[in-house]
Amino acid sequence: SGSPDILSRLNKSARANDGALAIRICREHGIEPEIGFLMFVPEASLTDLRANLAFLQENQLLGRLARTANLLCHRQIVLAGTSGYARFAEQNRLKKKGIFGFQGEVALANPRIEWLAELTIFACHTILRKMADRKSQIYWQMAISPVFRTANDYLVRLFHHLLEQAAGKVSLESIESVRERIAREIGRIIGN
């Protein structure tokens, strides 16, 4: 995370500056880092999401489509047997996943952030699925196509736009209508 508050709540001993330094050191030694990153956590605020986005942009981590789609959609999960799993189950915020319910997704505390997360994850997963399709213009093995840049820039702009909508005082559009629009926009970008 690029948010000091999130890092503190997750009991991480590192700061966002430490992550930025590690990224810079890797690059100085010819290594392009692929990082683990939590964009959405249960108690995230809009300020946290802005800090996360700023961290990713300042560290030039949103310039390659596969990585951008991956980083923007990461949502914290909890695993059975952990204190978080038990705590969120008690609060009725745990959505068990998989056939055994070993992994849990946590309902986000802020409904506007839940809205933003659902739409961002939908857009990113749509792109990632298309990247796995050999017939797609963004098939991962053709990463030099200009469509990759267009799709990448779309995801970043979409996140900015959804973040500003979530921060606004007006009521939010239904998730379904925004999903339909996102699917159409992605279809226009990649031509299928």
Foldseek 3Di string as FASTA:
>chain_A
DQDQVVCVVVVHPDHLVVVLVVCVVCVVVVHHDQDDEAQAEQADDLVSNVSLLCSCVVSVQLQFLLSVLVHQQHHDKDFPPDPVQVVQVVVVQWDQDDPVSGITGGHHPQVLVSLLNVLLNLLSVVLVVLCCDPPWQNPPVPRVDPLRRVSSVVSSVSSVVSSVVSVDPDDDDDSVVVSVVSVVVNCVSGVD
